[in-house]
Protein backbone atom coordinates (compact mmCIF):
# COMPACT_ATOMS: atom_id res chain seq x y z
CA MET A 1 -0.06 -0.05 -0.16
CA GLU A 2 2.82 2.47 0.90
CA ALA A 3 4.33 2.14 -2.53
CA GLU A 4 0.64 3.19 -4.39
CA LEU A 5 0.13 6.01 -1.55
CA LEU A 6 4.13 7.34 -2.37
CA GLU A 7 2.93 7.17 -6.30
CA TRP A 8 0.04 8.79 -5.66
CA ALA A 9 1.33 11.49 -3.74
CA HIS A 10 4.27 11.89 -6.37
CA ARG A 11 1.75 12.58 -8.91
CA ARG A 12 0.18 15.41 -6.69
CA ARG A 13 3.44 17.19 -6.50
CA ALA A 14 3.11 21.00 -7.15
CA PRO A 15 4.52 24.57 -6.01
CA ASP A 16 1.53 25.16 -4.15
CA ILE A 17 1.13 21.71 -2.12
CA ALA A 18 3.78 21.97 0.82
CA GLY A 19 3.41 18.28 2.11
CA ILE A 20 0.77 15.44 1.89
CA LEU A 21 0.54 13.16 5.08
CA TRP A 22 -0.86 9.44 5.19
CA GLU A 23 -2.70 9.64 8.96
CA GLY A 24 -5.02 7.29 10.78
CA SER A 25 -5.23 3.80 11.61
CA THR A 26 -4.29 2.49 8.27
CA ALA A 27 -0.86 4.69 8.78
CA ARG A 28 -0.58 3.24 12.12
CA GLY A 29 -0.94 -0.36 11.13
CA VAL A 30 -3.79 -0.93 12.87
CA PRO A 31 -6.59 -0.67 9.94
CA ASP A 32 -9.73 -2.56 10.25
CA PRO A 33 -10.94 -4.59 6.94
CA GLU A 34 -13.10 -1.75 5.74
CA ALA A 35 -11.16 1.17 7.28
CA GLU A 36 -10.51 4.35 4.62
CA ILE A 37 -7.23 5.72 4.01
CA ASP A 38 -6.88 9.19 5.61
CA LEU A 39 -4.78 11.65 3.79
CA ARG A 40 -4.18 15.06 4.21
CA ILE A 41 -2.76 17.60 1.75
CA VAL A 42 -1.40 20.75 3.56
CA ARG A 43 -1.32 23.65 1.06
CA ARG A 44 0.36 27.17 0.98
CA ARG A 45 -2.57 28.74 -0.36
CA ALA A 46 -6.26 27.88 -0.83
CA PRO A 47 -7.76 26.77 -4.20
CA GLN A 48 -9.22 29.22 -6.26
CA PRO A 49 -12.19 28.66 -6.61
CA PRO A 50 -12.32 25.57 -3.48
CA GLY A 51 -12.83 22.54 -5.16
CA PRO A 52 -15.66 19.76 -3.99
CA PRO A 53 -14.60 17.18 -1.18
CA GLU A 54 -12.17 14.94 -2.99
CA ALA A 55 -12.11 10.57 -2.93
CA ALA A 56 -10.14 8.42 -4.27
CA VAL A 57 -9.35 4.49 -4.88
CA ILE A 58 -5.71 3.67 -3.80
CA ALA A 59 -4.49 0.20 -3.25
CA GLY A 60 -8.08 -0.87 -3.47
CA ARG A 61 -8.78 1.06 -0.96
CA ARG A 62 -11.18 4.26 -0.72
CA ALA A 63 -9.18 6.94 0.56
CA HIS A 64 -10.76 10.19 2.29
CA VAL A 65 -8.69 13.43 1.09
CA ARG A 66 -8.34 16.65 3.32
CA HIS A 67 -7.16 19.70 2.46
CA SER A 68 -5.57 21.95 5.32
CA LEU A 69 -3.53 25.39 4.86
CA LEU A 70 -0.02 25.70 5.83
CA GLU A 71 -0.27 29.05 7.26
CA GLU A 72 -3.71 27.92 9.78
CA LEU A 73 -1.13 25.03 10.98
CA GLN A 74 1.61 27.19 11.69
CA GLN A 75 -0.62 29.86 13.46
CA THR A 76 -3.09 27.42 15.98
CA GLU A 77 -1.91 26.20 18.71
CA TRP A 78 -2.56 22.50 18.31
CA THR A 79 -4.69 20.24 20.69
CA PRO A 80 -3.37 17.15 22.56
CA TYR A 81 -5.50 15.30 19.85
CA VAL A 82 -5.06 17.10 16.93
CA ARG A 83 -0.99 16.74 17.69
CA TYR A 84 -1.62 12.65 18.11
CA SER A 85 -3.15 12.93 14.18
CA PHE A 86 0.22 14.78 13.00
CA ALA A 87 2.72 12.81 15.02
CA THR A 88 1.26 9.39 14.53
CA ALA A 89 1.09 10.24 10.68
CA ARG A 90 3.35 9.16 7.75
CA ILE A 91 4.82 11.47 5.89
CA LEU A 92 4.51 11.03 2.07
CA LEU A 93 5.72 14.24 0.42
CA ASP A 94 7.60 17.22 2.35
CA PRO A 95 9.23 18.83 -0.66
CA ASP A 96 11.29 21.41 1.45
CA GLY A 97 11.34 19.52 4.76
CA GLN A 98 8.56 22.47 5.91
CA LEU A 99 6.00 19.98 7.06
CA ARG A 100 8.74 18.00 9.41
CA ARG A 101 9.76 20.90 11.12
CA LEU A 102 5.93 22.32 11.79
CA ILE A 103 5.18 19.25 13.28
CA GLU A 104 8.33 19.06 15.26
CA ARG A 105 7.82 22.46 16.60
CA GLN A 106 4.14 21.95 17.34
CA LEU A 107 5.18 19.36 19.41
CA HIS A 108 7.57 20.94 21.23
CA LEU A 109 5.76 21.95 23.94
CA SER A 110 6.67 24.37 26.91
CA ASP A 111 6.85 22.89 30.61
CA ASP A 112 3.56 25.60 31.59
CA ARG A 113 1.71 24.01 28.41
CA ARG A 114 2.39 20.20 29.72
CA ARG A 115 1.88 21.00 33.09
CA ASP A 116 -1.53 22.58 32.40
CA GLU A 117 -2.68 19.43 30.36
CA ALA A 118 -1.62 17.33 33.02
CA LEU A 119 -3.25 18.91 35.64
CA PHE A 120 -6.38 19.46 33.37
CA TRP A 121 -6.24 15.42 32.97
CA TYR A 122 -5.90 15.02 36.68
CA CYS A 123 -8.91 17.43 37.00
CA GLU A 124 -10.99 15.55 35.39
CA LEU A 125 -9.76 12.22 36.39
CA ARG A 126 -10.56 13.52 40.39
CA SER A 127 -14.10 14.34 39.15
CA SER A 128 -15.32 11.50 37.37
CA TRP A 129 -14.09 9.23 40.47
CA GLN A 130 -16.05 12.00 42.97
CA ALA A 131 -18.75 11.38 40.51
CA ALA A 132 -18.67 7.65 40.87
CA ARG A 133 -18.78 7.81 44.79
CA ARG A 134 -21.62 10.04 44.40
CA ALA A 135 -23.25 7.69 42.27
CA PHE A 136 -22.75 4.48 44.68
CA ALA A 137 -23.80 6.68 47.78
CA ARG A 138 -27.06 6.91 46.33
CA GLY A 139 -27.72 3.86 44.90
CA ASP A 140 -27.61 3.89 41.47
CA GLY A 141 -25.15 1.23 40.49
CA SER A 142 -25.55 2.07 36.66
CA ASP A 143 -24.07 5.62 36.81
CA CYS A 144 -21.35 4.10 39.10
CA ALA A 145 -20.31 1.66 36.60
CA TYR A 146 -20.44 4.40 34.08
CA SER A 147 -18.24 6.88 36.21
CA LEU A 148 -15.60 4.70 36.88
CA THR A 149 -15.15 3.82 33.17
CA GLN A 150 -14.09 7.47 32.76
CA VAL A 151 -11.89 7.15 35.87
CA ALA A 152 -10.13 4.56 34.07
CA GLU A 153 -10.15 7.00 30.86
CA ALA A 154 -9.15 9.67 32.31
CA ALA A 155 -6.20 8.30 34.34
CA MET A 156 -4.71 6.69 30.90
CA ARG A 157 -4.95 10.43 29.60
CA CYS A 158 -3.32 12.03 32.44
CA TYR A 159 -0.46 9.42 32.27
CA PHE A 160 -0.03 10.66 28.45
CA GLY A 161 -0.24 14.03 29.77
CA CYS A 162 2.82 13.29 32.08
CA THR A 163 4.41 11.25 29.30
CA ARG A 164 3.85 12.34 25.94
CA ASP A 165 3.38 15.15 23.49
CA TRP A 166 -0.25 13.94 22.71
CA VAL A 167 -3.37 11.93 23.72
CA PRO A 168 -4.57 9.37 21.63
CA TYR A 169 -8.27 9.39 20.27
CA ARG A 170 -10.81 7.45 22.77
CA LYS A 171 -11.03 5.13 20.19
CA TRP A 172 -7.08 3.95 20.35
CA LEU A 173 -6.81 5.25 23.98
CA ALA A 174 -6.58 2.00 25.71
CA HIS A 175 -4.61 0.75 22.49
CA GLU A 176 -1.81 3.12 22.77
CA PHE A 177 -1.71 2.84 26.70
CA LEU A 178 -1.08 -0.87 26.98
CA GLN A 179 1.72 -0.48 23.54
CA ALA A 180 3.18 2.29 25.71
CA ASN A 181 4.07 -0.44 28.91
CA PRO A 182 2.85 1.90 31.69
CA PRO A 183 3.75 1.25 35.48
CA HIS A 184 1.82 -1.72 36.75
CA GLY A 185 -0.34 -0.36 39.06
CA LEU A 186 -1.73 2.00 36.33
CA ARG A 187 -2.06 -0.61 33.78
CA SER A 188 -3.48 -3.08 36.10
CA GLY A 189 -6.54 -0.58 37.70
CA VAL A 190 -7.51 0.88 34.33
CA LEU A 191 -7.95 -3.03 32.89
CA GLN A 192 -9.82 -3.85 35.94
CA LEU A 193 -12.21 -0.51 35.70
CA LEU A 194 -12.66 -1.39 31.49
CA ALA A 195 -13.38 -5.01 32.25
CA LEU A 196 -17.36 -5.91 31.66
CA PRO A 197 -19.04 -3.92 34.71
CA SER A 198 -20.74 -5.55 37.30
CA HIS A 199 -23.30 -3.41 39.42
CA ASP A 200 -23.43 -5.78 42.90
CA VAL A 201 -22.47 -3.44 45.11
CA ASP A 202 -19.81 -5.34 46.64
CA ALA A 203 -18.43 -5.10 42.97
CA LEU A 204 -18.72 -1.80 42.81
CA ARG A 205 -17.16 -1.00 46.03
CA GLY A 206 -14.36 -3.23 45.17
CA ARG A 207 -13.81 -0.95 41.74
CA LEU A 208 -14.25 2.34 43.98
CA GLU A 209 -11.10 0.83 45.78
CA VAL A 210 -9.48 0.47 42.48
CA GLY A 211 -10.19 3.96 41.17
CA ARG A 212 -9.33 5.36 44.49
CA GLN A 213 -5.67 4.09 43.74
CA LEU A 214 -5.64 4.98 40.22
CA VAL A 215 -6.32 8.71 41.70
CA GLU A 216 -3.26 8.18 43.99
CA GLY A 217 -0.87 7.07 41.58
CA CYS A 218 -1.59 9.74 39.37
CA ARG A 219 -1.86 12.26 41.35
CA ASP A 220 2.48 10.85 42.24
CA LEU A 221 2.98 10.69 38.52
CA VAL A 222 2.23 14.63 38.08
CA ALA A 223 3.49 15.28 41.39
CA ARG A 224 7.10 14.08 40.26
CA ARG A 225 6.97 14.85 36.83
CA PHE A 226 6.27 18.48 37.23
CA GLY A 227 7.46 19.40 40.91
CA ILE A 228 4.20 20.07 42.62
CA SER A 229 3.31 18.80 45.99
CA ARG A 230 0.80 16.12 46.86
CA GLY A 231 -0.98 17.80 48.90
CA ARG A 232 -1.49 20.65 46.72
CA LEU A 233 -2.84 17.76 44.32
CA ASP A 234 -5.16 16.52 46.82
CA GLY A 235 -6.78 19.78 47.07
CA TRP A 236 -7.64 19.82 43.49
CA GLU A 237 -10.22 22.40 43.27
CA ALA A 238 -7.13 24.90 44.29
CA ILE A 239 -5.61 23.73 40.44
CA GLU A 240 -8.67 23.96 38.57
CA SER A 241 -7.88 27.70 37.56
CA GLN A 242 -4.36 26.78 36.73
CA ALA A 243 -5.26 24.05 34.73
CA ARG A 244 -6.79 25.78 32.11
CA ARG A 245 -9.97 24.29 30.02
CA LEU A 246 -8.03 23.28 26.83
CA PRO A 247 -9.81 22.81 23.44
CA VAL A 248 -10.31 19.02 23.34
């Protein structure tokens, strides 16, 4: 497939094309049998007049082609999920290296940005765990089980906020988390909370304890990574204003 994509990209080479990226599950090597090929053409200027949405068939698969403007990508602060898309993409065409330099620059986060993102995910984690506790207290087993799933997802995002330049899309979150070989306690806790939930009171009580351990594990991870005291993180309401709402 890669040879056919490189040939297709080479045929698209033109002065206004800054580069072409191969994105999505097929680029990451984990496609389902019906997955489309996701391609992004980065242009130096918008075509006049704008053309219709583009599609193609490459190597027997349907390809979805999107267009982006280089200037917009340069001037926009990428969200964690956008960074994931670009960081895991494969470059098919980059005539002057501008696309690679753009990706490297956008993935080079400041210490403040890294800290704010990690704090944001930690606050999401604590909020989900508190929601699970409240649901358990009022006897709502379904809501408690759902909130514990949110705890697992927030814990994975918090881990990536401390260790990566990006956070995977939800559909790839668990896959990327397990591939990253996280600490055993985080891995075990996440897998327990993602297992088919039981609404039995004793089972939920045990899962709440697992959630508490995940909160503490992520608290320690954030504290070590960014030099924030554990006591300050325990008073998480005090750091919510610092963990600004991210465009995720």
